[in-house]
Amino acid sequence: MPPRPRFDRRAPVRELPNINERIKYPQLRVVDSDGKQLGVID
């Protein structure tokens, strides 16, 4: 078995928030910054 590398030099995998074009859901419940529900948007 080959020796294990001392450090993992790969870039960390970051999970970015889904913003605008990255949102892949058919419907979304929208809530404003005060927590008031604005409704469901297609």
PDB file of N, CA and C in Angstrom:
ATOM      1  N   MET A   1       0.853  -1.176   0.000  1.00  0.00           N
ATOM      2  CA  MET A   1       0.000   0.000   0.000  1.00  0.00           C
ATOM      3  C   MET A   1       0.901   1.242   0.000  1.00  0.00           C
ATOM      4  N   PRO A   2       0.631   2.227  -0.901  1.00  0.00           N
ATOM      5  CA  PRO A   2       1.479   3.424  -0.969  1.00  0.00           C
ATOM      6  C   PRO A   2       1.303   4.278   0.291  1.00  0.00           C
ATOM      7  N   PRO A   3       2.328   5.023   0.648  1.00  0.00           N
ATOM      8  CA  PRO A   3       2.210   5.882   1.833  1.00  0.00           C
ATOM      9  C   PRO A   3       1.164   6.973   1.626  1.00  0.00           C
ATOM     10  N   ARG A   4       0.490   7.317   2.681  1.00  0.00           N
ATOM     11  CA  ARG A   4      -0.530   8.365   2.630  1.00  0.00           C
ATOM     12  C   ARG A   4       0.144   9.730   2.535  1.00  0.00           C
ATOM     13  N   PRO A   5      -0.362  10.630   1.671  1.00  0.00           N
ATOM     14  CA  PRO A   5       0.258  11.957   1.583  1.00  0.00           C
ATOM     15  C   PRO A   5       0.124  12.693   2.913  1.00  0.00           C
ATOM     16  N   ARG A   6       1.128  13.467   3.215  1.00  0.00           N
ATOM     17  CA  ARG A   6       1.127  14.190   4.484  1.00  0.00           C
ATOM     18  C   ARG A   6       0.067  15.293   4.490  1.00  0.00           C
ATOM     19  N   PHE A   7      -0.082  15.987   3.364  1.00  0.00           N
ATOM     20  CA  PHE A   7      -1.074  17.051   3.251  1.00  0.00           C
ATOM     21  C   PHE A   7      -1.907  16.818   1.997  1.00  0.00           C
ATOM     22  N   ASP A   8      -3.176  17.117   2.082  1.00  0.00           N
ATOM     23  CA  ASP A   8      -4.053  17.037   0.909  1.00  0.00           C
ATOM     24  C   ASP A   8      -3.966  18.378   0.198  1.00  0.00           C
ATOM     25  N   ARG A   9      -3.351  18.399  -0.974  1.00  0.00           N
ATOM     26  CA  ARG A   9      -3.103  19.651  -1.689  1.00  0.00           C
ATOM     27  C   ARG A   9      -4.254  20.067  -2.603  1.00  0.00           C
ATOM     28  N   ARG A  10      -5.304  19.255  -2.636  1.00  0.00           N
ATOM     29  CA  ARG A  10      -6.462  19.626  -3.462  1.00  0.00           C
ATOM     30  C   ARG A  10      -7.191  20.813  -2.834  1.00  0.00           C
ATOM     31  N   ALA A  11      -7.808  21.608  -3.676  1.00  0.00           N
ATOM     32  CA  ALA A  11      -8.601  22.738  -3.186  1.00  0.00           C
ATOM     33  C   ALA A  11      -9.816  22.199  -2.441  1.00  0.00           C
ATOM     34  N   PRO A  12     -10.226  22.849  -1.354  1.00  0.00           N
ATOM     35  CA  PRO A  12     -11.403  22.385  -0.626  1.00  0.00           C
ATOM     36  C   PRO A  12     -12.659  22.537  -1.485  1.00  0.00           C
ATOM     37  N   VAL A  13     -13.574  21.620  -1.339  1.00  0.00           N
ATOM     38  CA  VAL A  13     -14.839  21.671  -2.074  1.00  0.00           C
ATOM     39  C   VAL A  13     -15.771  22.589  -1.300  1.00  0.00           C
ATOM     40  N   ARG A  14     -16.187  23.674  -1.951  1.00  0.00           N
ATOM     41  CA  ARG A  14     -17.093  24.621  -1.308  1.00  0.00           C
ATOM     42  C   ARG A  14     -18.477  24.467  -1.909  1.00  0.00           C
ATOM     43  N   GLU A  15     -19.451  24.451  -1.061  1.00  0.00           N
ATOM     44  CA  GLU A  15     -20.826  24.389  -1.541  1.00  0.00           C
ATOM     45  C   GLU A  15     -21.392  25.800  -1.470  1.00  0.00           C
ATOM     46  N   LEU A  16     -21.604  26.398  -2.632  1.00  0.00           N
ATOM     47  CA  LEU A  16     -22.085  27.770  -2.695  1.00  0.00           C
ATOM     48  C   LEU A  16     -23.597  27.809  -2.555  1.00  0.00           C
ATOM     49  N   PRO A  17     -24.138  28.891  -2.015  1.00  0.00           N
ATOM     50  CA  PRO A  17     -25.597  29.000  -1.932  1.00  0.00           C
ATOM     51  C   PRO A  17     -26.200  29.127  -3.330  1.00  0.00           C
ATOM     52  N   ASN A  18     -27.415  28.653  -3.472  1.00  0.00           N
ATOM     53  CA  ASN A  18     -28.105  28.759  -4.760  1.00  0.00           C
ATOM     54  C   ASN A  18     -28.682  30.164  -4.901  1.00  0.00           C
ATOM     55  N   ILE A  19     -28.102  30.928  -5.832  1.00  0.00           N
ATOM     56  CA  ILE A  19     -28.518  32.312  -6.060  1.00  0.00           C
ATOM     57  C   ILE A  19     -28.916  32.467  -7.517  1.00  0.00           C
ATOM     58  N   ASN A  20     -30.060  33.070  -7.741  1.00  0.00           N
ATOM     59  CA  ASN A  20     -30.583  33.378  -9.065  1.00  0.00           C
ATOM     60  C   ASN A  20     -30.537  32.191 -10.029  1.00  0.00           C
ATOM     61  N   GLU A  21     -29.644  32.184 -10.996  1.00  0.00           N
ATOM     62  CA  GLU A  21     -29.640  31.160 -12.043  1.00  0.00           C
ATOM     63  C   GLU A  21     -29.270  29.767 -11.510  1.00  0.00           C
ATOM     64  N   ARG A  22     -28.668  29.693 -10.340  1.00  0.00           N
ATOM     65  CA  ARG A  22     -28.280  28.390  -9.792  1.00  0.00           C
ATOM     66  C   ARG A  22     -29.425  27.690  -9.069  1.00  0.00           C
ATOM     67  N   ILE A  23     -30.570  28.355  -8.910  1.00  0.00           N
ATOM     68  CA  ILE A  23     -31.726  27.745  -8.243  1.00  0.00           C
ATOM     69  C   ILE A  23     -32.403  26.813  -9.236  1.00  0.00           C
ATOM     70  N   LYS A  24     -32.539  25.546  -8.873  1.00  0.00           N
ATOM     71  CA  LYS A  24     -33.059  24.537  -9.798  1.00  0.00           C
ATOM     72  C   LYS A  24     -34.368  23.917  -9.318  1.00  0.00           C
ATOM     73  N   TYR A  25     -35.201  24.652  -8.596  1.00  0.00           N
ATOM     74  CA  TYR A  25     -36.453  24.133  -8.089  1.00  0.00           C
ATOM     75  C   TYR A  25     -37.616  24.745  -8.855  1.00  0.00           C
ATOM     76  N   PRO A  26     -38.692  23.985  -9.099  1.00  0.00           N
ATOM     77  CA  PRO A  26     -39.813  24.512  -9.883  1.00  0.00           C
ATOM     78  C   PRO A  26     -40.589  25.614  -9.152  1.00  0.00           C
ATOM     79  N   GLN A  27     -40.666  25.540  -7.818  1.00  0.00           N
ATOM     80  CA  GLN A  27     -41.363  26.560  -7.049  1.00  0.00           C
ATOM     81  C   GLN A  27     -40.556  26.881  -5.799  1.00  0.00           C
ATOM     82  N   LEU A  28     -40.618  28.145  -5.385  1.00  0.00           N
ATOM     83  CA  LEU A  28     -39.908  28.589  -4.193  1.00  0.00           C
ATOM     84  C   LEU A  28     -40.831  29.383  -3.299  1.00  0.00           C
ATOM     85  N   ARG A  29     -40.705  29.175  -1.994  1.00  0.00           N
ATOM     86  CA  ARG A  29     -41.414  30.021  -1.033  1.00  0.00           C
ATOM     87  C   ARG A  29     -40.462  31.157  -0.685  1.00  0.00           C
ATOM     88  N   VAL A  30     -40.900  32.392  -0.938  1.00  0.00           N
ATOM     89  CA  VAL A  30     -40.051  33.555  -0.749  1.00  0.00           C
ATOM     90  C   VAL A  30     -40.396  34.224   0.585  1.00  0.00           C
ATOM     91  N   VAL A  31     -39.328  34.500   1.363  1.00  0.00           N
ATOM     92  CA  VAL A  31     -39.472  35.144   2.661  1.00  0.00           C
ATOM     93  C   VAL A  31     -38.537  36.348   2.669  1.00  0.00           C
ATOM     94  N   ASP A  32     -39.033  37.514   3.148  1.00  0.00           N
ATOM     95  CA  ASP A  32     -38.169  38.696   3.182  1.00  0.00           C
ATOM     96  C   ASP A  32     -37.258  38.672   4.402  1.00  0.00           C
ATOM     97  N   SER A  33     -36.407  39.682   4.537  1.00  0.00           N
ATOM     98  CA  SER A  33     -35.414  39.706   5.615  1.00  0.00           C
ATOM     99  C   SER A  33     -36.037  39.826   6.999  1.00  0.00           C
ATOM    100  N   ASP A  34     -37.296  40.265   7.078  1.00  0.00           N
ATOM    101  CA  ASP A  34     -37.985  40.354   8.367  1.00  0.00           C
ATOM    102  C   ASP A  34     -38.719  39.068   8.722  1.00  0.00           C
ATOM    103  N   GLY A  35     -38.705  38.093   7.816  1.00  0.00           N
ATOM    104  CA  GLY A  35     -39.378  36.825   8.047  1.00  0.00           C
ATOM    105  C   GLY A  35     -40.814  36.795   7.530  1.00  0.00           C
ATOM    106  N   LYS A  36     -41.248  37.864   6.903  1.00  0.00           N
ATOM    107  CA  LYS A  36     -42.605  37.904   6.337  1.00  0.00           C
ATOM    108  C   LYS A  36     -42.640  37.100   5.048  1.00  0.00           C
ATOM    109  N   GLN A  37     -43.630  36.203   4.953  1.00  0.00           N
ATOM    110  CA  GLN A  37     -43.737  35.360   3.748  1.00  0.00           C
ATOM    111  C   GLN A  37     -44.319  36.182   2.596  1.00  0.00           C
ATOM    112  N   LEU A  38     -43.631  36.140   1.469  1.00  0.00           N
ATOM    113  CA  LEU A  38     -44.065  36.902   0.292  1.00  0.00           C
ATOM    114  C   LEU A  38     -44.844  36.037  -0.683  1.00  0.00           C
ATOM    115  N   GLY A  39     -44.823  34.712  -0.509  1.00  0.00           N
ATOM    116  CA  GLY A  39     -45.597  33.817  -1.355  1.00  0.00           C
ATOM    117  C   GLY A  39     -44.738  32.802  -2.046  1.00  0.00           C
ATOM    118  N   VAL A  40     -45.388  32.015  -2.923  1.00  0.00           N
ATOM    119  CA  VAL A  40     -44.719  30.971  -3.698  1.00  0.00           C
ATOM    120  C   VAL A  40     -44.549  31.475  -5.122  1.00  0.00           C
ATOM    121  N   ILE A  41     -43.343  31.342  -5.646  1.00  0.00           N
ATOM    122  CA  ILE A  41     -43.024  31.833  -6.989  1.00  0.00           C
ATOM    123  C   ILE A  41     -42.603  30.649  -7.859  1.00  0.00           C
ATOM    124  N   ASP A  42     -43.093  30.618  -9.101  1.00  0.00           N
ATOM    125  CA  ASP A  42     -42.705  29.576 -10.062  1.00  0.00           C
ATOM    126  C   ASP A  42     -41.347  29.894 -10.645  1.00  0.00           C
TER     127      ASP A  42
END
